[in-house]
Amino acid sequence: MSKDNEEPHHIVAIEAIHCKIPSFTLPSPHTKAIYNWTTPSELESRVKDATIIITTTIRLNAEILNPLKTPKLRLIVILASGTDCVDKDAARDRGIPVCNCPSTNIDSVSEHAIGLYFAVRRKLVDMTNSVRNVPDSLDFDTEWKSSGSLKGKLKSIDGGAPLLCSQETMGIVGFGNLGRRIRGIAVGLGMNVIIAERKGEEERAREGRVGFEEVLKRSTVLVLCLPRTPETEKLISTEEFRMMKAQTVLINVGRGGDCG
């Protein structure tokens, strides 16, 4: 960043749709360009003169980080906790720092995870649709009209009622700040919570951790709170699904690539 006093910064926010880009106070003059969204075809022309790029999910790969494409670039800021949208090796090779915002969305994502659990376990979407989708003809029988109840739709895969929170065992895979926050909420709801050891580390499980495969077998709710890395890609696949109980609810608030 030794060039800070030699030329003004040009700050380019390529993805301002997610949150408002603040005003900046810098010791030297600067310009900024703010775009609500940037398509792949627009990216190169928008960042070619940038000294600072602000992104959230739009990928900055090795091609766009080539000095020929972004010759003035000196800093990348990610308005998110994850950093997988940036080719960090390419940035490191050029000495470009990559800054993110860790733990900024812990509360919202953890509450979203619990909301997803209730939506799936209690089949809220299906139940809502059943209530709202009333046929125009009064002569057409619906489950509600014929039986006076929708409890048949609410039944679990084993034919019983959906599990109560006090009957659930939540397995958490990924025990960083997000996983810890989800555990706190789940315990408050009366769930039994177990924390998974890293896959393949069953024989060296740390205190308070349970072997990865055992967590899959015991959990009635499985929550993934993982970043996307080569180690976590397709962490849950066919073999892992076969280990789970039939009524297990899988909630992934990490990255889509963790399941495959």
C-alpha atoms as a PDB file:
ATOM      1  CA  MET A   1       0.000   0.000   0.000  1.00  0.00           C
ATOM      2  CA  SER A   2       3.026   2.243  -0.364  1.00  0.00           C
ATOM      3  CA  LYS A   3       1.429   4.049  -3.313  1.00  0.00           C
ATOM      4  CA  ASP A   4      -1.355   5.536  -1.179  1.00  0.00           C
ATOM      5  CA  ASN A   5       0.148   9.028  -1.330  1.00  0.00           C
ATOM      6  CA  GLU A   6       1.110   8.846  -5.002  1.00  0.00           C
ATOM      7  CA  GLU A   7      -2.294   8.579  -6.668  1.00  0.00           C
ATOM      8  CA  PRO A   8      -5.900   8.800  -5.473  1.00  0.00           C
ATOM      9  CA  HIS A   9      -7.881   5.682  -4.780  1.00  0.00           C
ATOM     10  CA  HIS A  10     -10.659   4.599  -7.095  1.00  0.00           C
ATOM     11  CA  ILE A  11     -13.111   2.494  -5.092  1.00  0.00           C
ATOM     12  CA  VAL A  12     -15.436   0.221  -7.061  1.00  0.00           C
ATOM     13  CA  ALA A  13     -18.352  -1.533  -5.355  1.00  0.00           C
ATOM     14  CA  ILE A  14     -19.556  -4.165  -7.792  1.00  0.00           C
ATOM     15  CA  GLU A  15     -22.412  -5.605  -5.711  1.00  0.00           C
ATOM     16  CA  ALA A  16     -24.152  -2.942  -3.637  1.00  0.00           C
ATOM     17  CA  ILE A  17     -27.514  -4.705  -3.764  1.00  0.00           C
ATOM     18  CA  HIS A  18     -26.901  -6.415  -0.416  1.00  0.00           C
ATOM     19  CA  CYS A  19     -26.091  -3.438   1.791  1.00  0.00           C
ATOM     20  CA  LYS A  20     -25.530   0.277   1.515  1.00  0.00           C
ATOM     21  CA  ILE A  21     -21.970   1.308   0.692  1.00  0.00           C
ATOM     22  CA  PRO A  22     -20.868   3.867   3.306  1.00  0.00           C
ATOM     23  CA  SER A  23     -19.067   7.127   2.748  1.00  0.00           C
ATOM     24  CA  PHE A  24     -15.314   6.865   3.149  1.00  0.00           C
ATOM     25  CA  THR A  25     -12.934   9.159   4.986  1.00  0.00           C
ATOM     26  CA  LEU A  26      -9.496   8.883   3.423  1.00  0.00           C
ATOM     27  CA  PRO A  27      -6.421  11.064   3.910  1.00  0.00           C
ATOM     28  CA  SER A  28      -6.188  11.656   0.166  1.00  0.00           C
ATOM     29  CA  PRO A  29      -8.742  12.405  -2.569  1.00  0.00           C
ATOM     30  CA  HIS A  30     -10.624   9.426  -3.938  1.00  0.00           C
ATOM     31  CA  THR A  31     -13.331   8.533  -6.396  1.00  0.00           C
ATOM     32  CA  LYS A  32     -15.884   5.766  -6.201  1.00  0.00           C
ATOM     33  CA  ALA A  33     -18.230   3.904  -8.497  1.00  0.00           C
ATOM     34  CA  ILE A  34     -21.132   1.986  -7.015  1.00  0.00           C
ATOM     35  CA  TYR A  35     -23.016  -0.659  -8.988  1.00  0.00           C
ATOM     36  CA  ASN A  36     -26.079  -2.432  -7.665  1.00  0.00           C
ATOM     37  CA  TRP A  37     -25.089  -5.597  -9.524  1.00  0.00           C
ATOM     38  CA  THR A  38     -22.379  -6.573 -11.986  1.00  0.00           C
ATOM     39  CA  THR A  39     -22.681  -9.301 -14.606  1.00  0.00           C
ATOM     40  CA  PRO A  40     -19.653 -11.334 -15.730  1.00  0.00           C
ATOM     41  CA  SER A  41     -19.582  -9.426 -19.017  1.00  0.00           C
ATOM     42  CA  GLU A  42     -19.501  -6.087 -17.179  1.00  0.00           C
ATOM     43  CA  LEU A  43     -16.927  -6.976 -14.547  1.00  0.00           C
ATOM     44  CA  GLU A  44     -13.670  -6.371 -16.418  1.00  0.00           C
ATOM     45  CA  SER A  45     -14.560  -2.902 -17.665  1.00  0.00           C
ATOM     46  CA  ARG A  46     -15.818  -1.800 -14.258  1.00  0.00           C
ATOM     47  CA  VAL A  47     -12.765  -2.836 -12.222  1.00  0.00           C
ATOM     48  CA  LYS A  48      -9.945  -2.105 -14.681  1.00  0.00           C
ATOM     49  CA  ASP A  49      -9.029   1.186 -12.946  1.00  0.00           C
ATOM     50  CA  ALA A  50      -9.970   0.159  -9.410  1.00  0.00           C
ATOM     51  CA  THR A  51      -7.488   0.435  -6.561  1.00  0.00           C
ATOM     52  CA  ILE A  52     -10.065  -1.038  -4.161  1.00  0.00           C
ATOM     53  CA  ILE A  53     -12.799  -3.519  -5.103  1.00  0.00           C
ATOM     54  CA  ILE A  54     -15.765  -4.150  -2.805  1.00  0.00           C
ATOM     55  CA  THR A  55     -17.705  -7.365  -3.412  1.00  0.00           C
ATOM     56  CA  THR A  56     -19.930  -9.810  -1.541  1.00  0.00           C
ATOM     57  CA  THR A  57     -20.528 -12.911  -3.668  1.00  0.00           C
ATOM     58  CA  ILE A  58     -19.396 -11.963  -7.178  1.00  0.00           C
ATOM     59  CA  ARG A  59     -16.313 -13.998  -7.957  1.00  0.00           C
ATOM     60  CA  LEU A  60     -12.931 -12.376  -8.513  1.00  0.00           C
ATOM     61  CA  ASN A  61     -10.925 -15.167 -10.136  1.00  0.00           C
ATOM     62  CA  ALA A  62      -7.298 -15.382 -11.206  1.00  0.00           C
ATOM     63  CA  GLU A  63      -8.158 -14.042 -14.644  1.00  0.00           C
ATOM     64  CA  ILE A  64      -9.676 -10.816 -13.351  1.00  0.00           C
ATOM     65  CA  LEU A  65      -6.872 -10.473 -10.784  1.00  0.00           C
ATOM     66  CA  ASN A  66      -4.242 -10.633 -13.519  1.00  0.00           C
ATOM     67  CA  PRO A  67      -2.149  -7.412 -13.478  1.00  0.00           C
ATOM     68  CA  LEU A  68      -3.133  -6.847 -17.105  1.00  0.00           C
ATOM     69  CA  LYS A  69      -6.817  -6.729 -16.122  1.00  0.00           C
ATOM     70  CA  THR A  70      -6.571  -4.884 -12.785  1.00  0.00           C
ATOM     71  CA  PRO A  71      -3.182  -3.133 -12.862  1.00  0.00           C
ATOM     72  CA  LYS A  72      -3.969  -0.606 -10.114  1.00  0.00           C
ATOM     73  CA  LEU A  73      -5.639  -2.953  -7.646  1.00  0.00           C
ATOM     74  CA  ARG A  74      -4.316  -2.725  -4.078  1.00  0.00           C
ATOM     75  CA  LEU A  75      -7.108  -4.012  -1.839  1.00  0.00           C
ATOM     76  CA  ILE A  76     -10.139  -6.327  -1.991  1.00  0.00           C
ATOM     77  CA  VAL A  77     -12.926  -5.951   0.563  1.00  0.00           C
ATOM     78  CA  ILE A  78     -15.592  -8.649   0.958  1.00  0.00           C
ATOM     79  CA  LEU A  79     -18.796  -7.517   2.666  1.00  0.00           C
ATOM     80  CA  ALA A  80     -19.425 -11.022   3.996  1.00  0.00           C
ATOM     81  CA  SER A  81     -17.856 -13.536   6.337  1.00  0.00           C
ATOM     82  CA  GLY A  82     -16.863 -16.024   3.624  1.00  0.00           C
ATOM     83  CA  THR A  83     -13.932 -15.429   1.293  1.00  0.00           C
ATOM     84  CA  ASP A  84     -14.454 -18.168  -1.286  1.00  0.00           C
ATOM     85  CA  CYS A  85     -15.567 -15.648  -3.932  1.00  0.00           C
ATOM     86  CA  VAL A  86     -11.968 -14.425  -4.282  1.00  0.00           C
ATOM     87  CA  ASP A  87      -9.008 -16.379  -5.648  1.00  0.00           C
ATOM     88  CA  LYS A  88      -6.837 -15.736  -2.607  1.00  0.00           C
ATOM     89  CA  ASP A  89      -3.767 -17.373  -4.134  1.00  0.00           C
ATOM     90  CA  ALA A  90      -3.888 -14.975  -7.075  1.00  0.00           C
ATOM     91  CA  ALA A  91      -4.332 -12.022  -4.723  1.00  0.00           C
ATOM     92  CA  ARG A  92      -1.493 -13.219  -2.502  1.00  0.00           C
ATOM     93  CA  ASP A  93       0.847 -13.551  -5.466  1.00  0.00           C
ATOM     94  CA  ARG A  94       0.314  -9.857  -6.172  1.00  0.00           C
ATOM     95  CA  GLY A  95       0.538  -8.816  -2.533  1.00  0.00           C
ATOM     96  CA  ILE A  96      -3.088  -7.660  -2.509  1.00  0.00           C
ATOM     97  CA  PRO A  97      -4.742  -7.919   0.934  1.00  0.00           C
ATOM     98  CA  VAL A  98      -8.183  -9.546   1.088  1.00  0.00           C
ATOM     99  CA  CYS A  99     -10.362  -8.267   3.941  1.00  0.00           C
ATOM    100  CA  ASN A 100     -13.662  -9.816   4.994  1.00  0.00           C
ATOM    101  CA  CYS A 101     -16.229  -9.203   7.743  1.00  0.00           C
ATOM    102  CA  PRO A 102     -16.160 -12.267  10.010  1.00  0.00           C
ATOM    103  CA  SER A 103     -19.081 -12.941  12.353  1.00  0.00           C
ATOM    104  CA  THR A 104     -21.107  -9.947  11.173  1.00  0.00           C
ATOM    105  CA  ASN A 105     -24.161 -12.070  10.340  1.00  0.00           C
ATOM    106  CA  ILE A 106     -23.988 -14.609  13.163  1.00  0.00           C
ATOM    107  CA  ASP A 107     -27.345 -13.695  14.706  1.00  0.00           C
ATOM    108  CA  SER A 108     -29.289 -13.497  11.443  1.00  0.00           C
ATOM    109  CA  VAL A 109     -27.882 -16.746  10.016  1.00  0.00           C
ATOM    110  CA  SER A 110     -28.287 -18.698  13.253  1.00  0.00           C
ATOM    111  CA  GLU A 111     -31.900 -17.577  13.597  1.00  0.00           C
ATOM    112  CA  HIS A 112     -32.445 -18.400   9.919  1.00  0.00           C
ATOM    113  CA  ALA A 113     -31.127 -21.916  10.574  1.00  0.00           C
ATOM    114  CA  ILE A 114     -33.612 -22.435  13.387  1.00  0.00           C
ATOM    115  CA  GLY A 115     -36.388 -21.010  11.216  1.00  0.00           C
ATOM    116  CA  LEU A 116     -35.526 -23.488   8.477  1.00  0.00           C
ATOM    117  CA  TYR A 117     -35.620 -26.316  11.014  1.00  0.00           C
ATOM    118  CA  PHE A 118     -39.161 -25.450  12.104  1.00  0.00           C
ATOM    119  CA  ALA A 119     -40.284 -24.935   8.499  1.00  0.00           C
ATOM    120  CA  VAL A 120     -39.104 -28.412   7.516  1.00  0.00           C
ATOM    121  CA  ARG A 121     -39.958 -30.335  10.682  1.00  0.00           C
ATOM    122  CA  ARG A 122     -43.467 -28.857  10.882  1.00  0.00           C
ATOM    123  CA  LYS A 123     -43.909 -28.781   7.073  1.00  0.00           C
ATOM    124  CA  LEU A 124     -44.969 -25.150   7.276  1.00  0.00           C
ATOM    125  CA  VAL A 125     -44.813 -24.465   3.543  1.00  0.00           C
ATOM    126  CA  ASP A 126     -46.828 -27.548   2.627  1.00  0.00           C
ATOM    127  CA  MET A 127     -49.361 -26.889   5.378  1.00  0.00           C
ATOM    128  CA  THR A 128     -49.744 -23.241   4.364  1.00  0.00           C
ATOM    129  CA  ASN A 129     -50.275 -24.200   0.725  1.00  0.00           C
ATOM    130  CA  SER A 130     -52.879 -26.771   1.738  1.00  0.00           C
ATOM    131  CA  VAL A 131     -54.836 -24.142   3.635  1.00  0.00           C
ATOM    132  CA  ARG A 132     -54.557 -21.444   0.960  1.00  0.00           C
ATOM    133  CA  ASN A 133     -55.124 -23.535  -2.166  1.00  0.00           C
ATOM    134  CA  VAL A 134     -58.869 -23.923  -1.841  1.00  0.00           C
ATOM    135  CA  PRO A 135     -60.616 -25.084  -5.052  1.00  0.00           C
ATOM    136  CA  ASP A 136     -63.243 -22.785  -6.547  1.00  0.00           C
ATOM    137  CA  SER A 137     -65.839 -25.537  -6.644  1.00  0.00           C
ATOM    138  CA  LEU A 138     -67.543 -26.133  -3.315  1.00  0.00           C
ATOM    139  CA  ASP A 139     -68.287 -29.678  -4.471  1.00  0.00           C
ATOM    140  CA  PHE A 140     -64.588 -30.562  -4.653  1.00  0.00           C
ATOM    141  CA  ASP A 141     -63.470 -32.505  -1.597  1.00  0.00           C
ATOM    142  CA  THR A 142     -60.259 -31.464   0.132  1.00  0.00           C
ATOM    143  CA  GLU A 143     -58.479 -33.250   2.953  1.00  0.00           C
ATOM    144  CA  TRP A 144     -59.704 -30.602   5.342  1.00  0.00           C
ATOM    145  CA  LYS A 145     -63.333 -31.009   4.215  1.00  0.00           C
ATOM    146  CA  SER A 146     -63.281 -34.794   4.188  1.00  0.00           C
ATOM    147  CA  SER A 147     -61.489 -35.403   7.472  1.00  0.00           C
ATOM    148  CA  GLY A 148     -61.695 -32.095   9.319  1.00  0.00           C
ATOM    149  CA  SER A 149     -57.942 -32.087   9.809  1.00  0.00           C
ATOM    150  CA  LEU A 150     -54.616 -31.764   8.018  1.00  0.00           C
ATOM    151  CA  LYS A 151     -52.745 -33.921  10.498  1.00  0.00           C
ATOM    152  CA  GLY A 152     -52.077 -36.503   7.803  1.00  0.00           C
ATOM    153  CA  LYS A 153     -49.819 -34.024   6.046  1.00  0.00           C
ATOM    154  CA  LEU A 154     -47.996 -33.252   9.271  1.00  0.00           C
ATOM    155  CA  LYS A 155     -47.020 -36.835  10.033  1.00  0.00           C
ATOM    156  CA  SER A 156     -43.372 -37.803  10.052  1.00  0.00           C
ATOM    157  CA  ILE A 157     -41.951 -40.347   7.627  1.00  0.00           C
ATOM    158  CA  ASP A 158     -42.519 -43.078  10.235  1.00  0.00           C
ATOM    159  CA  GLY A 159     -46.205 -42.184  10.497  1.00  0.00           C
ATOM    160  CA  GLY A 160     -45.893 -40.479  13.862  1.00  0.00           C
ATOM    161  CA  ALA A 161     -46.191 -36.879  14.927  1.00  0.00           C
ATOM    162  CA  PRO A 162     -43.266 -34.553  14.199  1.00  0.00           C
ATOM    163  CA  LEU A 163     -40.605 -34.623  16.882  1.00  0.00           C
ATOM    164  CA  LEU A 164     -40.713 -32.012  19.609  1.00  0.00           C
ATOM    165  CA  CYS A 165     -37.639 -29.923  20.331  1.00  0.00           C
ATOM    166  CA  SER A 166     -37.107 -31.919  23.523  1.00  0.00           C
ATOM    167  CA  GLN A 167     -36.948 -35.099  21.422  1.00  0.00           C
ATOM    168  CA  GLU A 168     -34.436 -33.772  18.906  1.00  0.00           C
ATOM    169  CA  THR A 169     -30.714 -34.441  18.823  1.00  0.00           C
ATOM    170  CA  MET A 170     -29.034 -31.682  16.866  1.00  0.00           C
ATOM    171  CA  GLY A 171     -25.652 -32.447  15.363  1.00  0.00           C
ATOM    172  CA  ILE A 172     -23.563 -29.417  14.459  1.00  0.00           C
ATOM    173  CA  VAL A 173     -20.827 -29.750  11.847  1.00  0.00           C
ATOM    174  CA  GLY A 174     -18.572 -26.706  11.993  1.00  0.00           C
ATOM    175  CA  PHE A 175     -18.182 -25.241  15.463  1.00  0.00           C
ATOM    176  CA  GLY A 176     -16.996 -21.710  14.882  1.00  0.00           C
ATOM    177  CA  ASN A 177     -18.871 -18.623  16.035  1.00  0.00           C
ATOM    178  CA  LEU A 178     -21.932 -19.554  13.980  1.00  0.00           C
ATOM    179  CA  GLY A 179     -22.044 -23.127  15.248  1.00  0.00           C
ATOM    180  CA  ARG A 180     -21.703 -21.936  18.832  1.00  0.00           C
ATOM    181  CA  ARG A 181     -24.552 -19.484  18.432  1.00  0.00           C
ATOM    182  CA  ILE A 182     -26.812 -22.145  16.927  1.00  0.00           C
ATOM    183  CA  ARG A 183     -25.963 -24.472  19.794  1.00  0.00           C
ATOM    184  CA  GLY A 184     -27.033 -21.812  22.298  1.00  0.00           C
ATOM    185  CA  ILE A 185     -30.408 -21.360  20.625  1.00  0.00           C
ATOM    186  CA  ALA A 186     -30.967 -25.108  20.265  1.00  0.00           C
ATOM    187  CA  VAL A 187     -30.135 -25.770  23.917  1.00  0.00           C
ATOM    188  CA  GLY A 188     -32.550 -23.001  24.889  1.00  0.00           C
ATOM    189  CA  LEU A 189     -35.251 -24.810  22.903  1.00  0.00           C
ATOM    190  CA  GLY A 190     -34.574 -27.988  24.853  1.00  0.00           C
ATOM    191  CA  MET A 191     -32.659 -29.925  22.209  1.00  0.00           C
ATOM    192  CA  ASN A 192     -29.815 -32.288  22.923  1.00  0.00           C
ATOM    193  CA  VAL A 193     -26.804 -30.976  20.985  1.00  0.00           C
ATOM    194  CA  ILE A 194     -23.710 -32.867  19.864  1.00  0.00           C
ATOM    195  CA  ILE A 195     -20.713 -31.368  18.101  1.00  0.00           C
ATOM    196  CA  ALA A 196     -19.017 -33.258  15.271  1.00  0.00           C
ATOM    197  CA  GLU A 197     -15.288 -33.841  15.114  1.00  0.00           C
ATOM    198  CA  ARG A 198     -13.653 -33.310  11.743  1.00  0.00           C
ATOM    199  CA  LYS A 199     -14.311 -36.058   9.244  1.00  0.00           C
ATOM    200  CA  GLY A 200     -11.645 -38.743   9.455  1.00  0.00           C
ATOM    201  CA  GLU A 201     -10.523 -37.671  12.945  1.00  0.00           C
ATOM    202  CA  GLU A 202     -12.785 -40.038  14.889  1.00  0.00           C
ATOM    203  CA  GLU A 203      -9.925 -41.739  16.727  1.00  0.00           C
ATOM    204  CA  ARG A 204      -8.500 -38.390  17.845  1.00  0.00           C
ATOM    205  CA  ALA A 205     -11.748 -36.666  18.800  1.00  0.00           C
ATOM    206  CA  ARG A 206     -11.243 -33.601  20.964  1.00  0.00           C
ATOM    207  CA  GLU A 207     -12.940 -33.206  24.322  1.00  0.00           C
ATOM    208  CA  GLY A 208     -16.582 -32.368  23.859  1.00  0.00           C
ATOM    209  CA  ARG A 209     -16.627 -33.613  20.267  1.00  0.00           C
ATOM    210  CA  VAL A 210     -18.297 -36.702  18.828  1.00  0.00           C
ATOM    211  CA  GLY A 211     -17.002 -38.691  15.874  1.00  0.00           C
ATOM    212  CA  PHE A 212     -18.289 -37.422  12.524  1.00  0.00           C
ATOM    213  CA  GLU A 213     -20.025 -40.658  11.510  1.00  0.00           C
ATOM    214  CA  GLU A 214     -21.566 -41.105  14.955  1.00  0.00           C
ATOM    215  CA  VAL A 215     -23.050 -37.620  14.718  1.00  0.00           C
ATOM    216  CA  LEU A 216     -24.617 -38.533  11.374  1.00  0.00           C
ATOM    217  CA  LYS A 217     -26.141 -41.674  12.877  1.00  0.00           C
ATOM    218  CA  ARG A 218     -27.440 -40.075  16.088  1.00  0.00           C
ATOM    219  CA  SER A 219     -28.730 -36.736  14.862  1.00  0.00           C
ATOM    220  CA  THR A 220     -32.357 -36.024  14.071  1.00  0.00           C
ATOM    221  CA  VAL A 221     -31.315 -32.521  12.996  1.00  0.00           C
ATOM    222  CA  LEU A 222     -27.983 -31.948  11.258  1.00  0.00           C
ATOM    223  CA  VAL A 223     -26.728 -28.396  10.774  1.00  0.00           C
ATOM    224  CA  LEU A 224     -23.782 -27.562   8.510  1.00  0.00           C
ATOM    225  CA  CYS A 225     -21.956 -24.344   9.447  1.00  0.00           C
ATOM    226  CA  LEU A 226     -18.899 -24.640   7.240  1.00  0.00           C
ATOM    227  CA  PRO A 227     -16.913 -22.413   4.909  1.00  0.00           C
ATOM    228  CA  ARG A 228     -16.312 -23.669   1.402  1.00  0.00           C
ATOM    229  CA  THR A 229     -12.855 -25.190   1.162  1.00  0.00           C
ATOM    230  CA  PRO A 230     -11.388 -28.179  -0.695  1.00  0.00           C
ATOM    231  CA  GLU A 231     -11.783 -30.150   2.555  1.00  0.00           C
ATOM    232  CA  THR A 232     -15.487 -29.385   2.976  1.00  0.00           C
ATOM    233  CA  GLU A 233     -16.587 -29.760  -0.640  1.00  0.00           C
ATOM    234  CA  LYS A 234     -19.124 -32.598  -0.922  1.00  0.00           C
ATOM    235  CA  LEU A 235     -18.638 -33.394   2.762  1.00  0.00           C
ATOM    236  CA  ILE A 236     -22.181 -34.770   2.808  1.00  0.00           C
ATOM    237  CA  SER A 237     -22.889 -37.097  -0.103  1.00  0.00           C
ATOM    238  CA  THR A 238     -24.632 -40.396  -0.811  1.00  0.00           C
ATOM    239  CA  GLU A 239     -22.678 -42.428   1.741  1.00  0.00           C
ATOM    240  CA  GLU A 240     -23.309 -39.892   4.494  1.00  0.00           C
ATOM    241  CA  PHE A 241     -27.031 -39.648   3.709  1.00  0.00           C
ATOM    242  CA  ARG A 242     -27.299 -43.416   4.077  1.00  0.00           C
ATOM    243  CA  MET A 243     -25.967 -43.163   7.634  1.00  0.00           C
ATOM    244  CA  MET A 244     -28.683 -40.733   8.717  1.00  0.00           C
ATOM    245  CA  LYS A 245     -32.023 -41.508  10.270  1.00  0.00           C
ATOM    246  CA  ALA A 246     -34.992 -41.411   7.901  1.00  0.00           C
ATOM    247  CA  GLN A 247     -36.529 -38.434   9.724  1.00  0.00           C
ATOM    248  CA  THR A 248     -33.329 -36.391   9.972  1.00  0.00           C
ATOM    249  CA  VAL A 249     -33.654 -32.754   8.925  1.00  0.00           C
ATOM    250  CA  LEU A 250     -30.560 -31.378   7.174  1.00  0.00           C
ATOM    251  CA  ILE A 251     -29.979 -27.633   7.435  1.00  0.00           C
ATOM    252  CA  ASN A 252     -27.068 -26.165   5.457  1.00  0.00           C
ATOM    253  CA  VAL A 253     -26.212 -22.563   6.319  1.00  0.00           C
ATOM    254  CA  GLY A 254     -22.676 -22.935   5.012  1.00  0.00           C
ATOM    255  CA  ARG A 255     -22.061 -23.264   1.279  1.00  0.00           C
ATOM    256  CA  GLY A 256     -23.968 -25.270  -1.300  1.00  0.00           C
ATOM    257  CA  GLY A 257     -20.841 -27.165  -2.294  1.00  0.00           C
ATOM    258  CA  ASP A 258     -20.702 -28.826   1.130  1.00  0.00           C
ATOM    259  CA  CYS A 259     -23.442 -31.209  -0.052  1.00  0.00           C
ATOM    260  CA  GLY A 260     -23.226 -33.095  -3.298  1.00  0.00           C
END
